[in-house]
Amino acid sequence: TIVISITKVLEKEGYKTDFAYNGKTAIDKALSTNFGLILLDITLPDIDGFMVCRELKKYSVTRHIPIIFISTLDDDTIYEKGFDLGVMDYLKKPLPSAELVFRIKNYLKLADTENKLRQSELLFRSIVNDQTEFVVRYKPDGTLTFVNTAFSLYLKRSIMELLGMNFFDVLNIEKDAEIRTRVMTTSMPVQTDTLSIVLPGGEKAWNHWTHRTILDRATHKVVVQAIGRDITKNKIAEDNLRRWEYIFTNAGFGIIVTSADSINLDQMNREYARMHGY
């Protein structure tokens, strides 16, 4: 049979193989075995290959296994249906051994590369979720595609609630703010901004954000990655210091500054100096 002949070809190439003659058994074996690739016949005695594929895509352990359809069916819609299900390829029987081996080697190599990228992404997410700084990714139109735990806690909203929302709208950044236009129309190798925002409770706050454009490994599209932190306390302290400096310099009355443990004058303003002839 075709199953035996394919098995012999693959084992000759050094691959370990297993097989099932119906869809339900195939699903059970796939869920309990760490397969690197699945050759799936569309025509099966119980459920068809499309249904098997749909089931395998439901589970995390089988979702990313490359699937190649094989069949004697001559139907162009198979390509479209297979693509929608995430099938890697479609081969018609009879299968030339050299082509079969070439396709399998190619898709196993591709799957290994994609798995490494997923592991890299998981490592990135585990690291940034432990950061006290905010880490987000958003599309050029502002749609959030990733937020870390720190940003979620800061806004008192769940991560799932924030995903899909607009980064600028979430922070209540004004519609005509220059940063909105800049992000949508230009690439940003590195850009730093101090933003005045409004928190969900209506409190005014200030954030410091560093933005840059990157290529998202999952979607292969350009997104903006931004790292931010709340600088509200520092901003208020700086504003108070500037007000004090203005009053100290321009007051129409004398002001002196001394240390709590000393009688020496640390500072005096111009009016105090004038009053005492200095």
Protein backbone atom coordinates (compact mmCIF):
# COMPACT_ATOMS: atom_id res chain seq x y z
CA THR A 1 0.00 0.00 0.00
CA ILE A 2 0.94 3.66 -0.27
CA VAL A 3 1.49 3.86 3.52
CA ILE A 4 4.02 1.01 3.50
CA SER A 5 5.90 2.39 0.50
CA ILE A 6 6.17 5.90 2.03
CA THR A 7 7.30 4.39 5.34
CA LYS A 8 10.09 2.44 3.63
CA VAL A 9 11.30 5.52 1.74
CA LEU A 10 11.43 7.66 4.87
CA GLU A 11 13.06 5.00 7.07
CA LYS A 12 15.73 4.55 4.40
CA GLU A 13 16.46 8.27 4.81
CA GLY A 14 16.89 7.77 8.55
CA TYR A 15 13.49 9.05 9.74
CA LYS A 16 11.49 7.32 12.48
CA THR A 17 7.90 6.82 11.36
CA ASP A 18 4.48 5.80 12.61
CA PHE A 19 1.14 5.59 10.86
CA ALA A 20 -2.60 5.30 11.37
CA TYR A 21 -5.30 4.08 8.99
CA ASN A 22 -8.09 6.36 10.23
CA GLY A 23 -8.46 9.94 11.40
CA LYS A 24 -9.32 9.36 15.05
CA THR A 25 -6.31 7.11 15.61
CA ALA A 26 -4.12 9.66 13.85
CA ILE A 27 -5.29 12.39 16.22
CA ASP A 28 -4.68 10.21 19.29
CA LYS A 29 -1.16 9.31 18.15
CA ALA A 30 -0.32 12.91 17.29
CA LEU A 31 -1.40 14.11 20.73
CA SER A 32 0.69 11.48 22.52
CA THR A 33 3.81 11.52 20.32
CA ASN A 34 6.23 14.34 19.54
CA PHE A 35 6.05 14.21 15.73
CA GLY A 36 8.19 16.53 13.64
CA LEU A 37 5.88 16.42 10.59
CA ILE A 38 2.59 14.80 9.57
CA LEU A 39 1.67 13.41 6.14
CA LEU A 40 -2.12 13.43 6.07
CA ASP A 41 -4.35 11.75 3.50
CA ILE A 42 -7.52 13.72 2.82
CA THR A 43 -9.65 10.61 2.19
CA LEU A 44 -9.96 8.52 5.36
CA PRO A 45 -12.52 5.86 6.38
CA ASP A 46 -13.98 7.78 9.33
CA ILE A 47 -13.33 11.53 9.24
CA ASP A 48 -11.57 13.34 6.41
CA GLY A 49 -8.15 15.00 6.54
CA PHE A 50 -9.67 18.46 6.84
CA MET A 51 -11.39 17.49 10.09
CA VAL A 52 -8.21 15.85 11.41
CA CYS A 53 -6.28 19.02 10.65
CA ARG A 54 -8.86 21.21 12.42
CA GLU A 55 -8.63 19.03 15.52
CA LEU A 56 -4.82 19.08 15.59
CA LYS A 57 -4.77 22.89 15.34
CA LYS A 58 -6.86 23.10 18.53
CA TYR A 59 -4.11 21.73 20.79
CA SER A 60 -0.87 23.47 21.74
CA VAL A 61 1.15 20.25 21.45
CA THR A 62 0.14 19.70 17.80
CA ARG A 63 -0.72 23.23 16.62
CA HIS A 64 2.70 23.94 15.14
CA ILE A 65 3.46 20.53 13.61
CA PRO A 66 3.86 20.95 9.81
CA ILE A 67 1.12 19.09 7.92
CA ILE A 68 1.37 18.01 4.29
CA PHE A 69 -1.81 16.85 2.58
CA ILE A 70 -1.57 13.85 0.25
CA SER A 71 -4.42 12.63 -1.96
CA THR A 72 -5.48 11.37 -5.37
CA LEU A 73 -8.14 14.08 -5.49
CA ASP A 74 -7.81 16.56 -8.34
CA ASP A 75 -9.56 19.56 -6.80
CA ASP A 76 -8.05 23.04 -6.90
CA THR A 77 -10.09 24.10 -3.85
CA ILE A 78 -7.93 21.79 -1.72
CA TYR A 79 -5.13 24.36 -1.87
CA GLU A 80 -7.40 27.12 -0.58
CA LYS A 81 -8.95 24.95 2.12
CA GLY A 82 -5.54 23.67 3.18
CA PHE A 83 -4.08 27.16 3.36
CA ASP A 84 -6.94 28.33 5.58
CA LEU A 85 -6.23 25.40 7.93
CA GLY A 86 -2.49 26.09 8.06
CA VAL A 87 -1.44 23.13 5.89
CA MET A 88 2.11 23.54 4.56
CA ASP A 89 1.69 21.76 1.20
CA TYR A 90 -0.42 19.43 -0.93
CA LEU A 91 1.07 16.48 -2.83
CA LYS A 92 -0.86 14.32 -5.28
CA LYS A 93 -0.45 10.58 -5.42
CA PRO A 94 1.53 8.82 -6.72
CA LEU A 95 4.41 10.55 -4.91
CA PRO A 96 7.89 10.55 -6.50
CA SER A 97 10.26 9.48 -3.72
CA ALA A 98 12.85 12.20 -4.42
CA GLU A 99 10.21 14.98 -4.33
CA LEU A 100 8.66 13.60 -1.14
CA VAL A 101 12.02 13.48 0.67
CA PHE A 102 12.94 16.96 -0.59
CA ARG A 103 9.65 18.47 0.66
CA ILE A 104 9.94 16.78 4.03
CA LYS A 105 13.53 17.93 4.58
CA ASN A 106 12.57 21.46 3.59
CA TYR A 107 9.54 21.68 5.91
CA LEU A 108 11.36 20.08 8.84
CA LYS A 109 14.09 22.70 8.49
CA LEU A 110 11.48 25.46 8.28
CA ALA A 111 9.65 24.09 11.33
CA ASP A 112 12.90 24.02 13.31
CA THR A 113 13.56 27.67 12.43
CA GLU A 114 10.03 28.71 13.40
CA ASN A 115 10.29 26.78 16.68
CA LYS A 116 13.50 28.62 17.56
CA LEU A 117 11.77 31.92 16.82
CA ARG A 118 8.85 30.94 19.06
CA GLN A 119 11.25 30.00 21.86
CA SER A 120 13.02 33.32 21.44
CA GLU A 121 9.68 35.13 21.63
CA LEU A 122 8.68 33.17 24.76
CA LEU A 123 12.00 34.08 26.38
CA PHE A 124 11.45 37.73 25.48
CA ARG A 125 7.97 37.68 26.98
CA SER A 126 9.10 35.94 30.18
CA ILE A 127 11.84 38.53 30.67
CA VAL A 128 9.77 41.63 29.97
CA ASN A 129 6.86 40.42 32.08
CA ASP A 130 9.19 40.52 35.09
CA GLN A 131 10.31 44.09 34.38
CA THR A 132 9.11 47.03 36.45
CA GLU A 133 9.30 49.19 33.32
CA PHE A 134 6.45 49.15 30.83
CA VAL A 135 7.04 47.16 27.63
CA VAL A 136 4.54 47.31 24.77
CA ARG A 137 4.35 46.62 21.07
CA TYR A 138 1.88 48.29 18.78
CA LYS A 139 1.14 48.63 15.08
CA PRO A 140 1.85 51.97 13.35
CA ASP A 141 -1.84 52.86 13.82
CA GLY A 142 -1.44 52.37 17.58
CA THR A 143 -3.14 48.95 17.94
CA LEU A 144 -1.51 47.11 20.86
CA THR A 145 -0.18 43.63 20.04
CA PHE A 146 1.78 43.03 23.27
CA VAL A 147 1.81 44.51 26.77
CA ASN A 148 3.75 43.31 29.79
CA THR A 149 2.45 42.82 33.31
CA ALA A 150 3.86 46.12 34.60
CA PHE A 151 1.90 48.15 32.03
CA SER A 152 -1.25 46.15 32.73
CA LEU A 153 -1.00 46.78 36.48
CA TYR A 154 -0.22 50.46 35.93
CA LEU A 155 -3.45 50.97 33.98
CA LYS A 156 -5.40 48.56 36.22
CA ARG A 157 -6.60 46.60 33.20
CA SER A 158 -6.01 43.00 32.20
CA ILE A 159 -3.55 42.15 29.45
CA MET A 160 -6.31 40.59 27.34
CA GLU A 161 -8.40 43.73 27.71
CA LEU A 162 -5.55 45.93 26.52
CA LEU A 163 -4.61 43.86 23.48
CA GLY A 164 -6.28 45.31 20.41
CA MET A 165 -6.82 48.70 22.05
CA ASN A 166 -5.04 51.82 20.80
CA PHE A 167 -1.85 52.69 22.70
CA PHE A 168 -2.42 56.44 22.43
CA ASP A 169 -6.10 56.24 23.35
CA VAL A 170 -5.35 54.06 26.39
CA LEU A 171 -3.07 56.80 27.73
CA ASN A 172 -5.50 59.54 26.66
CA ILE A 173 -2.87 61.21 24.49
CA GLU A 174 -4.41 64.05 22.49
CA LYS A 175 -5.59 63.26 18.95
CA ASP A 176 -3.38 65.95 17.42
CA ALA A 177 -0.26 64.98 19.39
CA GLU A 178 2.84 65.05 17.22
CA ILE A 179 3.88 61.54 18.23
CA ARG A 180 0.76 60.00 16.67
CA THR A 181 1.60 61.44 13.25
CA ARG A 182 5.29 60.61 13.58
CA VAL A 183 4.66 56.95 14.37
CA MET A 184 2.19 56.49 11.52
CA THR A 185 4.31 58.14 8.82
CA THR A 186 7.95 57.40 9.64
CA SER A 187 10.19 54.62 10.84
CA MET A 188 11.78 55.21 14.24
CA PRO A 189 15.23 53.70 14.87
CA VAL A 190 15.13 55.22 18.40
CA GLN A 191 12.88 58.03 19.60
CA THR A 192 12.41 59.29 23.17
CA ASP A 193 9.40 61.28 24.36
CA THR A 194 8.07 62.68 27.61
CA LEU A 195 4.30 62.37 27.37
CA SER A 196 1.57 64.00 29.40
CA ILE A 197 -1.14 61.39 29.91
CA VAL A 198 -4.39 60.86 31.78
CA LEU A 199 -4.83 57.64 33.77
CA PRO A 200 -8.14 55.70 33.73
CA GLY A 201 -9.15 57.32 37.04
CA GLY A 202 -8.72 60.81 35.56
CA GLU A 203 -5.38 61.57 37.27
CA LYS A 204 -2.85 63.48 35.20
CA ALA A 205 0.53 61.78 34.93
CA TRP A 206 3.78 61.90 32.95
CA ASN A 207 5.53 59.04 31.21
CA HIS A 208 8.96 58.71 29.65
CA TRP A 209 8.86 56.44 26.55
CA THR A 210 11.56 55.19 24.19
CA HIS A 211 10.17 53.91 20.87
CA ARG A 212 11.74 52.09 17.94
CA THR A 213 10.42 50.16 14.96
CA ILE A 214 11.16 46.43 14.69
CA LEU A 215 10.13 43.55 12.45
CA ASP A 216 7.70 41.31 14.32
CA ARG A 217 8.99 37.74 13.97
CA ALA A 218 5.54 36.19 14.15
CA THR A 219 3.77 38.37 11.56
CA HIS A 220 6.81 39.62 9.59
CA LYS A 221 5.34 43.12 9.75
CA VAL A 222 6.82 46.33 11.11
CA VAL A 223 5.64 47.22 14.62
CA VAL A 224 6.71 49.75 17.23
CA GLN A 225 8.33 48.47 20.42
CA ALA A 226 8.25 50.92 23.30
CA ILE A 227 9.71 50.90 26.80
CA GLY A 228 8.28 53.36 29.30
CA ARG A 229 8.19 54.37 32.94
CA ASP A 230 6.14 56.69 35.09
CA ILE A 231 8.00 59.91 35.94
CA THR A 232 5.13 61.74 37.64
CA LYS A 233 6.86 62.11 41.02
CA ASN A 234 10.04 63.40 39.41
CA LYS A 235 8.06 65.79 37.18
CA ILE A 236 6.15 67.23 40.14
CA ALA A 237 9.39 67.60 42.12
CA GLU A 238 11.08 69.38 39.19
CA ASP A 239 8.11 71.72 38.70
CA ASN A 240 8.08 72.56 42.43
CA LEU A 241 11.83 73.23 42.32
CA ARG A 242 11.43 75.56 39.34
CA ARG A 243 8.64 77.45 41.14
CA TRP A 244 10.80 77.78 44.25
CA GLU A 245 13.75 78.99 42.18
CA TYR A 246 11.57 81.63 40.51
CA ILE A 247 10.16 82.84 43.84
CA PHE A 248 13.61 82.82 45.45
CA THR A 249 15.12 84.86 42.61
CA ASN A 250 12.30 87.34 41.98
CA ALA A 251 10.70 87.83 45.40
CA GLY A 252 10.29 91.43 46.62
CA PHE A 253 11.29 90.37 50.12
CA GLY A 254 14.41 88.83 51.58
CA ILE A 255 14.82 85.06 51.70
CA ILE A 256 17.64 83.13 53.35
CA VAL A 257 18.33 79.40 53.50
CA THR A 258 20.13 77.78 56.42
CA SER A 259 20.85 74.20 57.46
CA ALA A 260 18.95 72.70 60.37
CA ASP A 261 22.18 72.01 62.24
CA SER A 262 24.07 75.22 61.43
CA ILE A 263 23.66 78.99 61.88
CA ASN A 264 25.60 79.68 58.70
CA LEU A 265 23.77 81.08 55.70
CA ASP A 266 23.62 78.59 52.83
CA GLN A 267 21.79 80.86 50.40
CA MET A 268 20.30 84.34 50.19
CA ASN A 269 18.34 85.99 47.44
CA ARG A 270 19.15 89.33 45.82
CA GLU A 271 16.53 91.22 47.81
CA TYR A 272 17.97 90.04 51.14
CA ALA A 273 21.45 90.99 50.00
CA ARG A 274 20.22 94.47 48.92
CA MET A 275 18.44 95.00 52.25
CA HIS A 276 21.70 94.41 54.12
CA GLY A 277 23.95 96.30 51.75
CA TYR A 278 25.64 93.30 50.17
